[in-house]
């Protein structure tokens, strides 16, 4: 347990130094581990903001899992009023909180390659901000692990993605997966 805490603390320090030091978060690049998608699910969506919100876990072939989704948003995603809260937990016998929690403006996430997020554009009809109201889909998306911070410890994780409009929760998606060292 102590080793995991030290590793997680080092991740937080790297994140704080890079963020406060004026460096772009998108400069992360690692090749030491891989992210394995187990499943994702939509936990909640606000009916005033989304008319439909579906997520499907798929296995396009025998070697990897992915997810596909479809949603119809009833608002224009623009400006600084939309915030994405990302919070990671170690998911073993019970959930263990980690210091991996941060908020980012949703448009900043869409318009910049934060944590390798730009990869989703090759699997979807998403647009950069402003993202106009309408229906959007994602097809066979696998988490892009190369853009994530280095030195994340091997473990099973639950990551909660919460989208807020000002202080109102309008969408929550939970992602379950694991981090494993690559075998060379």
N, C-alpha and C. Protein backbone atom coordinates (compact mmCIF):
# COMPACT_ATOMS: atom_id res chain seq x y z
N UNK A 1 0.82 -1.20 0.00
CA UNK A 1 0.00 0.00 0.00
C UNK A 1 0.86 1.26 0.00
N UNK A 2 1.95 1.25 0.80
CA UNK A 2 2.80 2.42 0.87
C UNK A 2 3.47 2.69 -0.47
N UNK A 3 3.87 1.64 -1.19
CA UNK A 3 4.52 1.82 -2.48
C UNK A 3 3.58 2.47 -3.48
N UNK A 4 2.31 2.05 -3.47
CA UNK A 4 1.33 2.64 -4.38
C UNK A 4 1.15 4.11 -4.05
N UNK A 5 1.07 4.45 -2.76
CA UNK A 5 0.88 5.84 -2.36
C UNK A 5 2.04 6.71 -2.81
N UNK A 6 3.25 6.21 -2.70
CA UNK A 6 4.41 6.98 -3.14
C UNK A 6 4.37 7.19 -4.64
N UNK A 7 4.02 6.14 -5.39
CA UNK A 7 3.93 6.27 -6.84
C UNK A 7 2.84 7.26 -7.23
N UNK A 8 1.68 7.17 -6.58
CA UNK A 8 0.60 8.10 -6.90
C UNK A 8 0.99 9.53 -6.54
N UNK A 9 1.69 9.70 -5.44
CA UNK A 9 2.16 11.01 -5.05
C UNK A 9 3.11 11.57 -6.11
N UNK A 10 3.97 10.73 -6.67
CA UNK A 10 4.89 11.20 -7.70
C UNK A 10 4.13 11.65 -8.94
N UNK A 11 3.04 10.96 -9.28
CA UNK A 11 2.21 11.35 -10.42
C UNK A 11 1.61 12.72 -10.17
N UNK A 12 1.10 12.93 -8.97
CA UNK A 12 0.49 14.21 -8.63
C UNK A 12 1.53 15.33 -8.69
N UNK A 13 2.73 15.07 -8.18
CA UNK A 13 3.78 16.08 -8.20
C UNK A 13 4.16 16.43 -9.64
N UNK A 14 4.30 15.42 -10.50
CA UNK A 14 4.61 15.66 -11.91
C UNK A 14 3.51 16.49 -12.54
N UNK A 15 2.26 16.17 -12.24
CA UNK A 15 1.12 16.89 -12.80
C UNK A 15 1.13 18.34 -12.32
N UNK A 16 1.33 18.57 -11.03
CA UNK A 16 1.31 19.93 -10.48
C UNK A 16 2.46 20.75 -11.04
N UNK A 17 3.65 20.17 -11.08
CA UNK A 17 4.80 20.90 -11.60
C UNK A 17 4.59 21.28 -13.05
N UNK A 18 4.09 20.34 -13.86
CA UNK A 18 3.91 20.64 -15.27
C UNK A 18 2.78 21.64 -15.48
N UNK A 19 1.72 21.54 -14.70
CA UNK A 19 0.59 22.45 -14.87
C UNK A 19 0.94 23.84 -14.35
N UNK A 20 1.50 23.93 -13.15
CA UNK A 20 1.83 25.22 -12.56
C UNK A 20 3.05 25.84 -13.23
N UNK A 21 3.90 25.02 -13.80
CA UNK A 21 5.08 25.53 -14.46
C UNK A 21 4.81 26.08 -15.84
N UNK A 22 3.56 26.06 -16.27
CA UNK A 22 3.20 26.61 -17.56
C UNK A 22 3.36 25.64 -18.71
N UNK A 23 3.72 24.41 -18.44
CA UNK A 23 3.85 23.43 -19.50
C UNK A 23 2.49 22.85 -19.82
N UNK A 24 2.33 22.46 -21.06
CA UNK A 24 1.08 21.84 -21.47
C UNK A 24 1.01 20.42 -20.94
N UNK A 25 -0.15 20.06 -20.45
CA UNK A 25 -0.36 18.69 -19.98
C UNK A 25 -0.18 17.72 -21.13
N UNK A 26 -0.42 18.17 -22.34
CA UNK A 26 -0.35 17.29 -23.50
C UNK A 26 1.07 16.82 -23.80
N UNK A 27 2.06 17.33 -23.12
CA UNK A 27 3.44 16.91 -23.37
C UNK A 27 3.75 15.55 -22.79
N UNK A 28 2.85 14.98 -22.04
CA UNK A 28 3.09 13.65 -21.51
C UNK A 28 3.19 12.67 -22.66
N UNK A 29 4.15 11.80 -22.55
CA UNK A 29 4.26 10.71 -23.51
C UNK A 29 4.96 9.57 -22.80
N UNK A 30 4.34 8.43 -22.82
CA UNK A 30 4.95 7.28 -22.17
C UNK A 30 4.76 6.07 -23.05
N UNK A 31 5.65 5.11 -22.91
CA UNK A 31 5.55 3.85 -23.65
C UNK A 31 5.76 2.66 -22.72
N UNK A 32 5.78 2.90 -21.41
CA UNK A 32 6.10 1.84 -20.46
C UNK A 32 4.93 0.99 -20.03
N UNK A 33 3.72 1.45 -20.22
CA UNK A 33 2.57 0.66 -19.82
C UNK A 33 1.46 0.78 -20.83
N UNK A 34 0.49 -0.08 -20.70
CA UNK A 34 -0.67 -0.06 -21.56
C UNK A 34 -1.93 0.02 -20.71
N UNK A 35 -2.94 0.63 -21.24
CA UNK A 35 -4.23 0.75 -20.56
C UNK A 35 -5.17 -0.28 -21.18
N UNK A 36 -5.78 -1.08 -20.33
CA UNK A 36 -6.70 -2.13 -20.79
C UNK A 36 -8.12 -1.74 -20.37
N UNK A 37 -8.97 -1.56 -21.36
CA UNK A 37 -10.36 -1.21 -21.12
C UNK A 37 -11.13 -2.45 -20.69
N UNK A 38 -11.81 -2.37 -19.55
CA UNK A 38 -12.71 -3.45 -19.13
C UNK A 38 -14.13 -3.12 -19.55
N UNK A 39 -14.66 -2.02 -19.03
CA UNK A 39 -15.98 -1.57 -19.46
C UNK A 39 -16.19 -0.14 -19.00
N UNK A 40 -17.17 0.50 -19.61
CA UNK A 40 -17.58 1.85 -19.23
C UNK A 40 -19.10 1.86 -19.17
N UNK A 41 -19.64 2.82 -18.43
CA UNK A 41 -21.09 2.94 -18.36
C UNK A 41 -21.49 4.37 -18.09
N UNK A 42 -22.64 4.74 -18.60
CA UNK A 42 -23.24 6.04 -18.30
C UNK A 42 -23.99 5.86 -16.99
N UNK A 43 -23.61 6.59 -15.98
CA UNK A 43 -24.24 6.49 -14.67
C UNK A 43 -25.43 7.43 -14.58
N UNK A 44 -25.28 8.61 -15.18
CA UNK A 44 -26.33 9.62 -15.08
C UNK A 44 -26.23 10.58 -16.24
N UNK A 45 -27.38 11.03 -16.74
CA UNK A 45 -27.41 12.18 -17.64
C UNK A 45 -28.66 12.99 -17.34
N UNK A 46 -28.52 14.30 -17.42
CA UNK A 46 -29.60 15.23 -17.10
C UNK A 46 -30.51 15.35 -18.32
N UNK A 47 -31.82 15.09 -18.17
CA UNK A 47 -32.72 15.10 -19.33
C UNK A 47 -32.93 16.48 -19.96
N UNK A 48 -32.58 17.55 -19.25
CA UNK A 48 -32.68 18.88 -19.85
C UNK A 48 -31.49 19.17 -20.78
N UNK A 49 -30.44 18.36 -20.69
CA UNK A 49 -29.24 18.57 -21.48
C UNK A 49 -29.02 17.49 -22.54
N UNK A 50 -29.55 16.29 -22.30
CA UNK A 50 -29.40 15.18 -23.24
C UNK A 50 -30.74 14.50 -23.44
N UNK A 51 -31.14 14.28 -24.71
CA UNK A 51 -32.38 13.55 -24.96
C UNK A 51 -32.12 12.05 -25.00
N UNK A 52 -30.89 11.69 -25.28
CA UNK A 52 -30.54 10.28 -25.37
C UNK A 52 -29.05 10.16 -25.07
N UNK A 53 -28.69 9.10 -24.36
CA UNK A 53 -27.28 8.91 -24.00
C UNK A 53 -27.06 7.41 -23.78
N UNK A 54 -26.36 6.77 -24.71
CA UNK A 54 -26.14 5.32 -24.64
C UNK A 54 -24.65 5.02 -24.80
N UNK A 55 -24.21 3.97 -24.13
CA UNK A 55 -22.82 3.54 -24.24
C UNK A 55 -22.81 2.01 -24.33
N UNK A 56 -22.03 1.50 -25.27
CA UNK A 56 -21.94 0.06 -25.49
C UNK A 56 -20.49 -0.38 -25.37
N UNK A 57 -20.26 -1.43 -24.63
CA UNK A 57 -18.93 -2.03 -24.55
C UNK A 57 -18.85 -3.08 -25.64
N UNK A 58 -17.82 -2.99 -26.46
CA UNK A 58 -17.71 -3.86 -27.63
C UNK A 58 -16.35 -4.54 -27.63
N UNK A 59 -16.28 -5.63 -28.35
CA UNK A 59 -15.03 -6.36 -28.52
C UNK A 59 -14.85 -6.59 -30.02
N UNK A 60 -14.22 -5.60 -30.70
CA UNK A 60 -14.09 -5.69 -32.16
C UNK A 60 -13.32 -6.91 -32.64
N UNK A 61 -12.40 -7.41 -31.83
CA UNK A 61 -11.70 -8.64 -32.17
C UNK A 61 -11.32 -9.34 -30.87
N UNK A 62 -10.57 -10.42 -30.96
CA UNK A 62 -10.26 -11.21 -29.76
C UNK A 62 -9.20 -10.58 -28.87
N UNK A 63 -8.52 -9.54 -29.34
CA UNK A 63 -7.39 -9.03 -28.58
C UNK A 63 -7.65 -7.76 -27.76
N UNK A 64 -8.71 -7.04 -28.06
CA UNK A 64 -8.95 -5.83 -27.28
C UNK A 64 -10.43 -5.52 -27.13
N UNK A 65 -10.73 -4.71 -26.13
CA UNK A 65 -12.08 -4.23 -25.88
C UNK A 65 -12.11 -2.73 -26.16
N UNK A 66 -13.28 -2.24 -26.49
CA UNK A 66 -13.46 -0.83 -26.78
C UNK A 66 -14.86 -0.43 -26.33
N UNK A 67 -15.20 0.83 -26.55
CA UNK A 67 -16.59 1.21 -26.33
C UNK A 67 -17.07 2.09 -27.47
N UNK A 68 -18.36 2.03 -27.67
CA UNK A 68 -19.05 2.87 -28.64
C UNK A 68 -20.16 3.58 -27.89
N UNK A 69 -20.51 4.78 -28.36
CA UNK A 69 -21.56 5.53 -27.67
C UNK A 69 -22.35 6.35 -28.66
N UNK A 70 -23.49 6.79 -28.19
CA UNK A 70 -24.38 7.65 -28.98
C UNK A 70 -25.07 8.58 -28.01
N UNK A 71 -25.04 9.87 -28.30
CA UNK A 71 -25.78 10.82 -27.47
C UNK A 71 -26.29 11.98 -28.30
N UNK A 72 -27.43 12.51 -27.86
CA UNK A 72 -28.00 13.71 -28.46
C UNK A 72 -28.00 14.80 -27.40
N UNK A 73 -27.20 15.83 -27.64
CA UNK A 73 -27.13 16.91 -26.66
C UNK A 73 -28.02 18.05 -27.10
N UNK A 74 -28.66 18.66 -26.12
CA UNK A 74 -29.64 19.71 -26.37
C UNK A 74 -29.06 21.10 -26.11
N UNK A 75 -27.75 21.23 -26.14
CA UNK A 75 -27.08 22.49 -25.83
C UNK A 75 -25.82 22.62 -26.67
N UNK A 76 -25.34 23.84 -26.80
CA UNK A 76 -24.06 24.09 -27.45
C UNK A 76 -22.98 24.04 -26.37
N UNK A 77 -22.00 23.20 -26.57
CA UNK A 77 -20.87 23.11 -25.65
C UNK A 77 -19.84 24.15 -26.07
N UNK A 78 -19.81 25.25 -25.33
CA UNK A 78 -18.89 26.32 -25.66
C UNK A 78 -18.54 27.11 -24.40
N UNK A 79 -17.54 27.90 -24.50
CA UNK A 79 -17.17 28.79 -23.40
C UNK A 79 -16.60 28.06 -22.20
N UNK A 80 -16.55 28.79 -21.10
CA UNK A 80 -15.95 28.29 -19.88
C UNK A 80 -16.97 27.77 -18.88
N UNK A 81 -18.23 27.67 -19.26
CA UNK A 81 -19.28 27.26 -18.32
C UNK A 81 -19.36 25.75 -18.13
N UNK A 82 -18.64 24.98 -18.94
CA UNK A 82 -18.69 23.52 -18.85
C UNK A 82 -17.36 23.00 -18.35
N UNK A 83 -17.41 22.23 -17.27
CA UNK A 83 -16.21 21.73 -16.61
C UNK A 83 -16.28 20.21 -16.54
N UNK A 84 -15.17 19.57 -16.79
CA UNK A 84 -15.06 18.12 -16.68
C UNK A 84 -14.24 17.80 -15.45
N UNK A 85 -14.82 17.04 -14.52
CA UNK A 85 -14.11 16.59 -13.33
C UNK A 85 -13.72 15.15 -13.55
N UNK A 86 -12.44 14.84 -13.40
CA UNK A 86 -11.93 13.48 -13.60
C UNK A 86 -11.34 13.03 -12.27
N UNK A 87 -11.81 11.89 -11.77
CA UNK A 87 -11.37 11.41 -10.45
C UNK A 87 -11.09 9.92 -10.56
N UNK A 88 -9.86 9.53 -10.21
CA UNK A 88 -9.45 8.13 -10.28
C UNK A 88 -9.48 7.44 -8.94
N UNK A 89 -9.87 6.19 -8.95
CA UNK A 89 -9.90 5.34 -7.76
C UNK A 89 -9.20 4.03 -8.08
N UNK A 90 -8.53 3.47 -7.09
CA UNK A 90 -8.02 2.11 -7.23
C UNK A 90 -9.18 1.20 -6.86
N UNK A 91 -9.53 0.29 -7.76
CA UNK A 91 -10.73 -0.53 -7.59
C UNK A 91 -10.32 -1.98 -7.33
N UNK A 92 -10.07 -2.27 -6.07
CA UNK A 92 -9.77 -3.66 -5.71
C UNK A 92 -10.96 -4.17 -4.92
N UNK A 93 -10.76 -4.80 -3.78
CA UNK A 93 -11.87 -5.31 -2.99
C UNK A 93 -12.83 -4.17 -2.60
N UNK A 94 -12.26 -3.01 -2.35
CA UNK A 94 -13.06 -1.82 -2.09
C UNK A 94 -12.38 -0.65 -2.79
N UNK A 95 -13.15 0.41 -3.05
CA UNK A 95 -12.58 1.57 -3.74
C UNK A 95 -11.62 2.31 -2.82
N UNK A 96 -10.46 2.64 -3.34
CA UNK A 96 -9.49 3.44 -2.60
C UNK A 96 -9.27 4.73 -3.35
N UNK A 97 -9.50 5.82 -2.65
CA UNK A 97 -9.34 7.13 -3.26
C UNK A 97 -7.88 7.37 -3.61
N UNK A 98 -7.63 8.07 -4.69
CA UNK A 98 -6.28 8.42 -5.09
C UNK A 98 -6.20 9.93 -5.22
N UNK A 99 -5.01 10.48 -5.24
CA UNK A 99 -4.88 11.91 -5.47
C UNK A 99 -5.05 12.30 -6.94
N UNK A 100 -5.45 11.36 -7.77
CA UNK A 100 -5.66 11.64 -9.19
C UNK A 100 -7.04 12.24 -9.39
N UNK A 101 -7.15 13.53 -9.15
CA UNK A 101 -8.41 14.23 -9.35
C UNK A 101 -8.10 15.63 -9.83
N UNK A 102 -8.79 16.05 -10.88
CA UNK A 102 -8.61 17.39 -11.38
C UNK A 102 -9.82 17.81 -12.19
N UNK A 103 -9.94 19.11 -12.37
CA UNK A 103 -10.98 19.70 -13.19
C UNK A 103 -10.33 20.32 -14.41
N UNK A 104 -10.99 20.22 -15.54
CA UNK A 104 -10.51 20.86 -16.77
C UNK A 104 -11.74 21.38 -17.51
N UNK A 105 -11.59 22.52 -18.14
CA UNK A 105 -12.69 23.05 -18.94
C UNK A 105 -12.92 22.11 -20.11
N UNK A 106 -14.19 21.78 -20.35
CA UNK A 106 -14.52 20.80 -21.39
C UNK A 106 -13.99 21.21 -22.75
N UNK A 107 -14.06 22.49 -23.08
CA UNK A 107 -13.55 22.94 -24.37
C UNK A 107 -12.03 22.81 -24.45
N UNK A 108 -11.34 23.00 -23.35
CA UNK A 108 -9.89 22.82 -23.35
C UNK A 108 -9.55 21.36 -23.65
N UNK A 109 -10.34 20.44 -23.10
CA UNK A 109 -10.13 19.01 -23.33
C UNK A 109 -10.36 18.67 -24.80
N UNK A 110 -11.40 19.25 -25.39
CA UNK A 110 -11.72 18.97 -26.79
C UNK A 110 -10.73 19.63 -27.76
N UNK A 111 -10.29 20.83 -27.45
CA UNK A 111 -9.47 21.60 -28.38
C UNK A 111 -7.98 21.33 -28.27
N UNK A 112 -7.55 20.70 -27.19
CA UNK A 112 -6.13 20.40 -26.99
C UNK A 112 -5.97 18.89 -26.82
N UNK A 113 -4.78 18.43 -27.04
CA UNK A 113 -4.54 16.99 -26.92
C UNK A 113 -4.18 16.63 -25.47
N UNK A 114 -5.12 16.85 -24.56
CA UNK A 114 -4.89 16.52 -23.17
C UNK A 114 -5.04 15.02 -22.99
N UNK A 115 -4.00 14.38 -22.49
CA UNK A 115 -4.01 12.95 -22.19
C UNK A 115 -4.34 12.10 -23.41
N UNK A 116 -3.97 12.55 -24.58
CA UNK A 116 -4.21 11.78 -25.79
C UNK A 116 -5.66 11.76 -26.23
N UNK A 117 -6.45 12.72 -25.76
CA UNK A 117 -7.88 12.73 -26.04
C UNK A 117 -8.20 12.95 -27.51
N UNK A 118 -7.27 13.57 -28.27
CA UNK A 118 -7.54 13.85 -29.69
C UNK A 118 -7.80 12.59 -30.49
N UNK A 119 -7.35 11.46 -30.00
CA UNK A 119 -7.57 10.19 -30.68
C UNK A 119 -9.07 9.90 -30.87
N UNK A 120 -9.91 10.43 -30.00
CA UNK A 120 -11.34 10.16 -30.10
C UNK A 120 -11.93 10.74 -31.39
N UNK A 121 -11.31 11.78 -31.95
CA UNK A 121 -11.84 12.38 -33.18
C UNK A 121 -11.75 11.43 -34.36
N UNK A 122 -10.81 10.49 -34.34
CA UNK A 122 -10.71 9.53 -35.44
C UNK A 122 -11.75 8.42 -35.33
N UNK A 123 -12.43 8.35 -34.18
CA UNK A 123 -13.44 7.31 -33.97
C UNK A 123 -14.85 7.88 -33.78
N UNK A 124 -15.04 9.17 -34.09
CA UNK A 124 -16.33 9.78 -33.79
C UNK A 124 -16.62 10.92 -34.75
N UNK A 125 -17.81 11.46 -34.60
CA UNK A 125 -18.16 12.67 -35.34
C UNK A 125 -18.12 13.89 -34.41
N UNK A 126 -17.37 13.79 -33.31
CA UNK A 126 -17.17 14.92 -32.40
C UNK A 126 -16.50 16.05 -33.16
N UNK A 127 -16.78 17.26 -32.72
CA UNK A 127 -16.12 18.44 -33.26
C UNK A 127 -15.40 19.15 -32.11
N UNK A 128 -14.49 20.00 -32.46
CA UNK A 128 -13.87 20.83 -31.43
C UNK A 128 -14.88 21.90 -31.02
N UNK A 129 -14.58 22.60 -29.96
CA UNK A 129 -15.48 23.65 -29.47
C UNK A 129 -15.51 24.82 -30.44
N UNK A 130 -16.65 25.42 -30.62
CA UNK A 130 -17.91 25.07 -29.97
C UNK A 130 -18.53 23.82 -30.60
N UNK A 131 -18.99 22.92 -29.75
CA UNK A 131 -19.63 21.68 -30.19
C UNK A 131 -21.14 21.96 -30.17
N UNK A 132 -21.71 22.11 -31.33
CA UNK A 132 -23.11 22.50 -31.46
C UNK A 132 -24.05 21.40 -31.00
N UNK A 133 -25.25 21.78 -30.58
CA UNK A 133 -26.22 20.77 -30.18
C UNK A 133 -26.52 19.87 -31.36
N UNK A 134 -26.75 18.60 -31.05
CA UNK A 134 -26.99 17.61 -32.09
C UNK A 134 -26.64 16.23 -31.57
N UNK A 135 -26.63 15.26 -32.46
CA UNK A 135 -26.36 13.87 -32.08
C UNK A 135 -24.94 13.50 -32.49
N UNK A 136 -24.25 12.82 -31.58
CA UNK A 136 -22.86 12.45 -31.79
C UNK A 136 -22.66 10.98 -31.44
N UNK A 137 -21.71 10.36 -32.12
CA UNK A 137 -21.44 8.95 -31.85
C UNK A 137 -19.93 8.71 -31.81
N UNK A 138 -19.57 7.66 -31.08
CA UNK A 138 -18.19 7.19 -30.99
C UNK A 138 -18.22 5.73 -31.39
N UNK A 139 -17.26 5.29 -32.21
CA UNK A 139 -17.26 3.92 -32.69
C UNK A 139 -15.94 3.23 -32.36
N UNK A 140 -16.00 2.18 -31.55
CA UNK A 140 -14.84 1.34 -31.21
C UNK A 140 -13.65 2.15 -30.69
N UNK A 141 -13.89 2.97 -29.69
CA UNK A 141 -12.82 3.80 -29.12
C UNK A 141 -12.06 3.03 -28.04
N UNK A 142 -10.74 3.06 -28.15
CA UNK A 142 -9.85 2.47 -27.16
C UNK A 142 -9.05 3.62 -26.56
N UNK A 143 -8.91 3.63 -25.24
CA UNK A 143 -8.18 4.69 -24.56
C UNK A 143 -6.76 4.78 -25.11
N UNK A 144 -6.36 5.98 -25.50
CA UNK A 144 -5.01 6.20 -26.03
C UNK A 144 -4.05 6.33 -24.85
N UNK A 145 -3.27 5.29 -24.61
CA UNK A 145 -2.43 5.27 -23.40
C UNK A 145 -1.14 6.07 -23.54
N UNK A 146 -0.71 6.40 -24.73
CA UNK A 146 0.58 7.09 -24.88
C UNK A 146 0.54 8.52 -24.35
N UNK A 147 -0.62 9.16 -24.27
CA UNK A 147 -0.71 10.53 -23.81
C UNK A 147 -0.93 10.67 -22.32
N UNK A 148 -0.97 9.57 -21.60
CA UNK A 148 -1.20 9.63 -20.15
C UNK A 148 0.11 9.88 -19.42
N UNK A 149 0.02 10.38 -18.19
CA UNK A 149 1.25 10.64 -17.43
C UNK A 149 2.05 9.37 -17.19
N UNK A 150 3.37 9.47 -17.19
CA UNK A 150 4.19 8.29 -16.90
C UNK A 150 4.13 7.96 -15.41
N UNK A 151 4.61 6.80 -15.07
CA UNK A 151 4.76 6.36 -13.68
C UNK A 151 3.44 6.07 -12.97
N UNK A 152 2.38 5.79 -13.71
CA UNK A 152 1.16 5.34 -13.06
C UNK A 152 1.38 3.89 -12.61
N UNK A 153 1.01 3.55 -11.40
CA UNK A 153 1.26 2.19 -10.92
C UNK A 153 0.32 1.18 -11.57
N UNK A 154 0.81 -0.04 -11.71
CA UNK A 154 -0.03 -1.13 -12.20
C UNK A 154 -1.14 -1.36 -11.20
N UNK A 155 -2.37 -1.40 -11.68
CA UNK A 155 -3.51 -1.66 -10.82
C UNK A 155 -4.77 -1.68 -11.65
N UNK A 156 -5.88 -1.97 -10.98
CA UNK A 156 -7.21 -1.88 -11.58
C UNK A 156 -7.81 -0.56 -11.11
N UNK A 157 -8.39 0.19 -12.05
CA UNK A 157 -8.88 1.53 -11.74
C UNK A 157 -10.34 1.70 -12.10
N UNK A 158 -10.97 2.60 -11.38
CA UNK A 158 -12.26 3.17 -11.73
C UNK A 158 -12.00 4.66 -11.89
N UNK A 159 -12.36 5.21 -13.03
CA UNK A 159 -12.21 6.65 -13.26
C UNK A 159 -13.59 7.21 -13.55
N UNK A 160 -13.97 8.21 -12.76
CA UNK A 160 -15.28 8.86 -12.92
C UNK A 160 -15.09 10.17 -13.68
N UNK A 161 -15.82 10.31 -14.76
CA UNK A 161 -15.83 11.53 -15.56
C UNK A 161 -17.16 12.21 -15.32
N UNK A 162 -17.13 13.40 -14.76
CA UNK A 162 -18.36 14.14 -14.48
C UNK A 162 -18.32 15.47 -15.22
N UNK A 163 -19.36 15.71 -16.02
CA UNK A 163 -19.48 16.96 -16.77
C UNK A 163 -20.46 17.86 -16.05
N UNK A 164 -20.02 19.08 -15.76
CA UNK A 164 -20.85 20.06 -15.05
C UNK A 164 -21.10 21.27 -15.95
N UNK A 165 -22.32 21.79 -15.88
CA UNK A 165 -22.63 23.11 -16.43
C UNK A 165 -22.75 24.03 -15.24
N UNK A 166 -21.78 24.92 -15.11
CA UNK A 166 -21.60 25.71 -13.90
C UNK A 166 -21.47 24.73 -12.74
N UNK A 167 -22.39 24.64 -11.81
CA UNK A 167 -22.25 23.69 -10.70
C UNK A 167 -23.26 22.54 -10.77
N UNK A 168 -23.93 22.40 -11.89
CA UNK A 168 -24.96 21.36 -12.06
C UNK A 168 -24.36 20.16 -12.80
N UNK A 169 -24.45 18.98 -12.18
CA UNK A 169 -23.99 17.75 -12.83
C UNK A 169 -24.94 17.42 -13.97
N UNK A 170 -24.39 17.29 -15.20
CA UNK A 170 -25.26 16.98 -16.34
C UNK A 170 -24.94 15.62 -16.96
N UNK A 171 -23.76 15.05 -16.65
CA UNK A 171 -23.41 13.74 -17.20
C UNK A 171 -22.34 13.10 -16.33
N UNK A 172 -22.49 11.80 -16.08
CA UNK A 172 -21.43 11.05 -15.41
C UNK A 172 -21.22 9.74 -16.14
N UNK A 173 -19.94 9.48 -16.49
CA UNK A 173 -19.55 8.22 -17.09
C UNK A 173 -18.47 7.61 -16.21
N UNK A 174 -18.59 6.33 -15.90
CA UNK A 174 -17.58 5.61 -15.14
C UNK A 174 -16.83 4.68 -16.08
N UNK A 175 -15.50 4.71 -16.00
CA UNK A 175 -14.65 3.84 -16.81
C UNK A 175 -13.91 2.89 -15.89
N UNK A 176 -13.92 1.61 -16.24
CA UNK A 176 -13.23 0.58 -15.47
C UNK A 176 -12.16 -0.03 -16.37
N UNK A 177 -10.96 -0.13 -15.84
CA UNK A 177 -9.87 -0.71 -16.62
C UNK A 177 -8.65 -0.90 -15.75
N UNK A 178 -7.55 -1.23 -16.39
CA UNK A 178 -6.33 -1.45 -15.62
C UNK A 178 -5.13 -0.95 -16.39
N UNK A 179 -4.07 -0.77 -15.63
CA UNK A 179 -2.79 -0.38 -16.18
C UNK A 179 -1.83 -1.53 -15.95
N UNK A 180 -1.17 -1.96 -17.03
CA UNK A 180 -0.17 -3.02 -16.96
C UNK A 180 1.10 -2.57 -17.64
N UNK A 181 2.22 -3.01 -17.08
CA UNK A 181 3.49 -2.73 -17.74
C UNK A 181 3.56 -3.50 -19.04
N UNK A 182 4.14 -2.87 -20.05
CA UNK A 182 4.32 -3.55 -21.32
C UNK A 182 5.45 -4.56 -21.19
N UNK A 183 5.26 -5.69 -21.78
CA UNK A 183 6.28 -6.74 -21.78
C UNK A 183 7.07 -6.61 -23.07
N UNK A 184 8.36 -6.42 -22.93
CA UNK A 184 9.21 -6.22 -24.13
C UNK A 184 9.77 -7.53 -24.61
